[in-house]
Amino acid sequence: MSEDGRSGVRIWLRLFSCATAIEKQVQRRFAERGTTLARFDLLAALDRAGEGMTMSALSRALLVSNGNVTQLVQKLSKEGLVRIAPFPADRRVSIVELSARGRRDFGALADAHRDWLDTLLADMDGGARERLYAALGDLRLSIAKGQAG
């Protein structure tokens, strides 16, 4: 790639187009299963937390407003995928955690999600995947340094 002053734009456009293509495929496959990427992301955040999260912590983790999180959590609660309980130290704060059904359903979705991504990347050999992963790590560090300055 030539260093003609446009390589940053070219890299950004390539990353954006790849991320968009992957996201569209994943969203389509979630829709086929009657769910959404937003629901999956919320369930994944709760799964990673293990012990439950406050609505505010979920909002920060998902980079969305408290209102969006509250609405989605209420839907998931009605479906039996999450439990909402008052925080013992402050009854105004709610803790959200996966229910047993939510943990089971999320596990199946996470397995399917992993398979979909592996299928989308199937034409890349293991070495290419590792180099891309390393390059993206370098990119993340470069972005962090650029934000600090």
C-alpha atoms as a PDB file:
ATOM      1  CA  MET A   1       0.000   0.000   0.000  1.00  0.00           C
ATOM      2  CA  SER A   2       1.470   3.344  -0.983  1.00  0.00           C
ATOM      3  CA  GLU A   3       2.026   6.017   1.617  1.00  0.00           C
ATOM      4  CA  ASP A   4       0.296   8.721  -0.418  1.00  0.00           C
ATOM      5  CA  GLY A   5      -1.471  10.243   2.561  1.00  0.00           C
ATOM      6  CA  ARG A   6      -4.593   8.175   1.995  1.00  0.00           C
ATOM      7  CA  SER A   7      -3.630   4.899   3.629  1.00  0.00           C
ATOM      8  CA  GLY A   8      -5.471   5.823   6.841  1.00  0.00           C
ATOM      9  CA  VAL A   9      -8.678   6.429   4.928  1.00  0.00           C
ATOM     10  CA  ARG A  10      -8.229   3.252   2.885  1.00  0.00           C
ATOM     11  CA  ILE A  11      -7.682   1.183   6.048  1.00  0.00           C
ATOM     12  CA  TRP A  12     -10.690   2.737   7.766  1.00  0.00           C
ATOM     13  CA  LEU A  13     -12.906   2.092   4.721  1.00  0.00           C
ATOM     14  CA  ARG A  14     -11.724  -1.521   4.484  1.00  0.00           C
ATOM     15  CA  LEU A  15     -12.353  -2.118   8.206  1.00  0.00           C
ATOM     16  CA  PHE A  16     -15.743  -0.446   7.996  1.00  0.00           C
ATOM     17  CA  SER A  17     -16.837  -2.464   4.957  1.00  0.00           C
ATOM     18  CA  CYS A  18     -15.711  -5.743   6.535  1.00  0.00           C
ATOM     19  CA  ALA A  19     -17.391  -4.945   9.866  1.00  0.00           C
ATOM     20  CA  THR A  20     -20.590  -3.916   8.080  1.00  0.00           C
ATOM     21  CA  ALA A  21     -20.659  -7.089   5.977  1.00  0.00           C
ATOM     22  CA  ILE A  22     -20.125  -9.289   9.027  1.00  0.00           C
ATOM     23  CA  GLU A  23     -22.733  -7.393  11.035  1.00  0.00           C
ATOM     24  CA  LYS A  24     -25.343  -7.773   8.271  1.00  0.00           C
ATOM     25  CA  GLN A  25     -24.765 -11.514   8.087  1.00  0.00           C
ATOM     26  CA  VAL A  26     -24.932 -11.906  11.863  1.00  0.00           C
ATOM     27  CA  GLN A  27     -28.075  -9.770  12.122  1.00  0.00           C
ATOM     28  CA  ARG A  28     -29.753 -11.836   9.395  1.00  0.00           C
ATOM     29  CA  ARG A  29     -28.903 -15.071  11.156  1.00  0.00           C
ATOM     30  CA  PHE A  30     -30.112 -13.752  14.513  1.00  0.00           C
ATOM     31  CA  ALA A  31     -33.364 -12.646  12.833  1.00  0.00           C
ATOM     32  CA  GLU A  32     -33.804 -16.191  11.494  1.00  0.00           C
ATOM     33  CA  ARG A  33     -33.683 -17.318  15.144  1.00  0.00           C
ATOM     34  CA  GLY A  34     -36.154 -14.644  16.248  1.00  0.00           C
ATOM     35  CA  THR A  35     -33.663 -12.447  18.061  1.00  0.00           C
ATOM     36  CA  THR A  36     -31.475  -9.392  17.496  1.00  0.00           C
ATOM     37  CA  LEU A  37     -27.858  -8.410  17.875  1.00  0.00           C
ATOM     38  CA  ALA A  38     -28.837  -5.950  20.636  1.00  0.00           C
ATOM     39  CA  ARG A  39     -30.444  -8.753  22.657  1.00  0.00           C
ATOM     40  CA  PHE A  40     -27.403 -10.981  22.100  1.00  0.00           C
ATOM     41  CA  ASP A  41     -25.042  -8.193  23.200  1.00  0.00           C
ATOM     42  CA  LEU A  42     -27.014  -7.618  26.407  1.00  0.00           C
ATOM     43  CA  LEU A  43     -27.119 -11.338  27.220  1.00  0.00           C
ATOM     44  CA  ALA A  44     -23.390 -11.592  26.455  1.00  0.00           C
ATOM     45  CA  ALA A  45     -22.592  -8.724  28.828  1.00  0.00           C
ATOM     46  CA  LEU A  46     -24.565 -10.438  31.586  1.00  0.00           C
ATOM     47  CA  ASP A  47     -22.890 -13.764  30.843  1.00  0.00           C
ATOM     48  CA  ARG A  48     -19.425 -12.175  31.103  1.00  0.00           C
ATOM     49  CA  ALA A  49     -20.355 -10.429  34.360  1.00  0.00           C
ATOM     50  CA  GLY A  50     -21.496 -13.687  35.930  1.00  0.00           C
ATOM     51  CA  GLU A  51     -23.008 -12.098  39.033  1.00  0.00           C
ATOM     52  CA  GLY A  52     -25.379  -9.626  37.383  1.00  0.00           C
ATOM     53  CA  MET A  53     -25.067  -5.948  36.609  1.00  0.00           C
ATOM     54  CA  THR A  54     -26.842  -2.723  37.427  1.00  0.00           C
ATOM     55  CA  MET A  55     -28.782  -1.021  34.644  1.00  0.00           C
ATOM     56  CA  SER A  56     -26.172   1.763  34.610  1.00  0.00           C
ATOM     57  CA  ALA A  57     -23.308  -0.728  34.284  1.00  0.00           C
ATOM     58  CA  LEU A  58     -25.142  -2.460  31.421  1.00  0.00           C
ATOM     59  CA  SER A  59     -25.695   0.884  29.733  1.00  0.00           C
ATOM     60  CA  ARG A  60     -21.971   1.719  29.975  1.00  0.00           C
ATOM     61  CA  ALA A  61     -20.914  -1.752  28.800  1.00  0.00           C
ATOM     62  CA  LEU A  62     -23.216  -1.616  25.764  1.00  0.00           C
ATOM     63  CA  LEU A  63     -22.614   2.081  25.000  1.00  0.00           C
ATOM     64  CA  VAL A  64     -26.346   2.825  24.891  1.00  0.00           C
ATOM     65  CA  SER A  65     -28.699   4.966  26.944  1.00  0.00           C
ATOM     66  CA  ASN A  66     -30.239   3.815  30.223  1.00  0.00           C
ATOM     67  CA  GLY A  67     -33.656   4.036  28.561  1.00  0.00           C
ATOM     68  CA  ASN A  68     -32.672   1.607  25.805  1.00  0.00           C
ATOM     69  CA  VAL A  69     -31.253  -0.846  28.330  1.00  0.00           C
ATOM     70  CA  THR A  70     -34.307  -0.591  30.585  1.00  0.00           C
ATOM     71  CA  GLN A  71     -36.680  -1.267  27.700  1.00  0.00           C
ATOM     72  CA  LEU A  72     -34.707  -4.286  26.477  1.00  0.00           C
ATOM     73  CA  VAL A  73     -34.232  -5.691  29.991  1.00  0.00           C
ATOM     74  CA  GLN A  74     -37.970  -5.470  30.632  1.00  0.00           C
ATOM     75  CA  LYS A  75     -38.685  -7.418  27.412  1.00  0.00           C
ATOM     76  CA  LEU A  76     -36.112 -10.061  28.300  1.00  0.00           C
ATOM     77  CA  SER A  77     -37.546 -10.313  31.810  1.00  0.00           C
ATOM     78  CA  LYS A  78     -41.055 -10.925  30.433  1.00  0.00           C
ATOM     79  CA  GLU A  79     -39.599 -13.699  28.266  1.00  0.00           C
ATOM     80  CA  GLY A  80     -37.919 -15.287  31.285  1.00  0.00           C
ATOM     81  CA  LEU A  81     -34.365 -14.733  30.055  1.00  0.00           C
ATOM     82  CA  VAL A  82     -33.267 -12.344  32.808  1.00  0.00           C
ATOM     83  CA  ARG A  83     -34.182 -11.619  36.414  1.00  0.00           C
ATOM     84  CA  ILE A  84     -34.410  -8.122  37.854  1.00  0.00           C
ATOM     85  CA  ALA A  85     -33.856  -7.719  41.576  1.00  0.00           C
ATOM     86  CA  PRO A  86     -33.424  -4.686  43.829  1.00  0.00           C
ATOM     87  CA  PHE A  87     -29.876  -3.981  44.956  1.00  0.00           C
ATOM     88  CA  PRO A  88     -29.736  -4.734  48.703  1.00  0.00           C
ATOM     89  CA  ALA A  89     -27.769  -1.594  49.608  1.00  0.00           C
ATOM     90  CA  ASP A  90     -29.989   0.756  47.581  1.00  0.00           C
ATOM     91  CA  ARG A  91     -33.524  -0.348  46.694  1.00  0.00           C
ATOM     92  CA  ARG A  92     -33.658   2.307  43.922  1.00  0.00           C
ATOM     93  CA  VAL A  93     -30.994   0.377  41.978  1.00  0.00           C
ATOM     94  CA  SER A  94     -31.811  -2.844  40.123  1.00  0.00           C
ATOM     95  CA  ILE A  95     -29.508  -5.765  39.464  1.00  0.00           C
ATOM     96  CA  VAL A  96     -30.047  -7.720  36.252  1.00  0.00           C
ATOM     97  CA  GLU A  97     -28.817 -11.275  35.854  1.00  0.00           C
ATOM     98  CA  LEU A  98     -29.361 -14.150  33.475  1.00  0.00           C
ATOM     99  CA  SER A  99     -32.015 -16.667  34.462  1.00  0.00           C
ATOM    100  CA  ALA A 100     -31.286 -20.377  34.016  1.00  0.00           C
ATOM    101  CA  ARG A 101     -33.237 -20.268  30.752  1.00  0.00           C
ATOM    102  CA  GLY A 102     -31.356 -17.122  29.693  1.00  0.00           C
ATOM    103  CA  ARG A 103     -28.017 -18.784  30.359  1.00  0.00           C
ATOM    104  CA  ARG A 104     -29.063 -21.866  28.363  1.00  0.00           C
ATOM    105  CA  ASP A 105     -30.496 -19.848  25.442  1.00  0.00           C
ATOM    106  CA  PHE A 106     -27.487 -17.542  25.373  1.00  0.00           C
ATOM    107  CA  GLY A 107     -25.119 -20.535  25.339  1.00  0.00           C
ATOM    108  CA  ALA A 108     -26.843 -21.922  22.241  1.00  0.00           C
ATOM    109  CA  LEU A 109     -26.789 -18.515  20.548  1.00  0.00           C
ATOM    110  CA  ALA A 110     -23.128 -17.970  21.427  1.00  0.00           C
ATOM    111  CA  ASP A 111     -22.220 -21.349  19.909  1.00  0.00           C
ATOM    112  CA  ALA A 112     -24.154 -20.495  16.733  1.00  0.00           C
ATOM    113  CA  HIS A 113     -22.563 -17.020  16.613  1.00  0.00           C
ATOM    114  CA  ARG A 114     -19.080 -18.533  16.873  1.00  0.00           C
ATOM    115  CA  ASP A 115     -19.923 -20.992  14.054  1.00  0.00           C
ATOM    116  CA  TRP A 116     -21.249 -18.175  11.824  1.00  0.00           C
ATOM    117  CA  LEU A 117     -18.060 -16.165  12.283  1.00  0.00           C
ATOM    118  CA  ASP A 118     -15.893 -19.213  11.625  1.00  0.00           C
ATOM    119  CA  THR A 119     -17.859 -19.810   8.406  1.00  0.00           C
ATOM    120  CA  LEU A 120     -17.409 -16.202   7.291  1.00  0.00           C
ATOM    121  CA  LEU A 121     -13.642 -16.459   7.906  1.00  0.00           C
ATOM    122  CA  ALA A 122     -13.285 -19.999   6.543  1.00  0.00           C
ATOM    123  CA  ASP A 123     -11.342 -18.948   3.440  1.00  0.00           C
ATOM    124  CA  MET A 124      -8.602 -17.355   5.567  1.00  0.00           C
ATOM    125  CA  ASP A 125      -5.945 -19.806   6.714  1.00  0.00           C
ATOM    126  CA  GLY A 126      -4.905 -19.856  10.357  1.00  0.00           C
ATOM    127  CA  GLY A 127      -1.749 -17.843   9.716  1.00  0.00           C
ATOM    128  CA  ALA A 128      -3.686 -15.068   7.992  1.00  0.00           C
ATOM    129  CA  ARG A 129      -6.167 -14.972  10.855  1.00  0.00           C
ATOM    130  CA  GLU A 130      -3.368 -14.682  13.407  1.00  0.00           C
ATOM    131  CA  ARG A 131      -1.634 -11.906  11.438  1.00  0.00           C
ATOM    132  CA  LEU A 132      -4.925 -10.010  11.121  1.00  0.00           C
ATOM    133  CA  TYR A 133      -5.603 -10.406  14.841  1.00  0.00           C
ATOM    134  CA  ALA A 134      -2.112  -9.118  15.680  1.00  0.00           C
ATOM    135  CA  ALA A 135      -2.452  -6.204  13.242  1.00  0.00           C
ATOM    136  CA  LEU A 136      -5.812  -5.251  14.755  1.00  0.00           C
ATOM    137  CA  GLY A 137      -4.193  -5.322  18.204  1.00  0.00           C
ATOM    138  CA  ASP A 138      -1.508  -2.950  16.919  1.00  0.00           C
ATOM    139  CA  LEU A 139      -4.251  -0.746  15.479  1.00  0.00           C
ATOM    140  CA  ARG A 140      -6.085  -0.659  18.803  1.00  0.00           C
ATOM    141  CA  LEU A 141      -2.895   0.450  20.580  1.00  0.00           C
ATOM    142  CA  SER A 142      -2.263   3.114  17.944  1.00  0.00           C
ATOM    143  CA  ILE A 143      -5.800   4.439  18.322  1.00  0.00           C
ATOM    144  CA  ALA A 144      -5.438   4.561  22.115  1.00  0.00           C
ATOM    145  CA  LYS A 145      -2.178   6.516  21.787  1.00  0.00           C
ATOM    146  CA  GLY A 146      -3.821   8.883  19.310  1.00  0.00           C
ATOM    147  CA  GLN A 147      -6.727   9.509  21.682  1.00  0.00           C
ATOM    148  CA  ALA A 148      -4.362  10.256  24.561  1.00  0.00           C
ATOM    149  CA  GLY A 149      -2.579  12.994  22.610  1.00  0.00           C
END
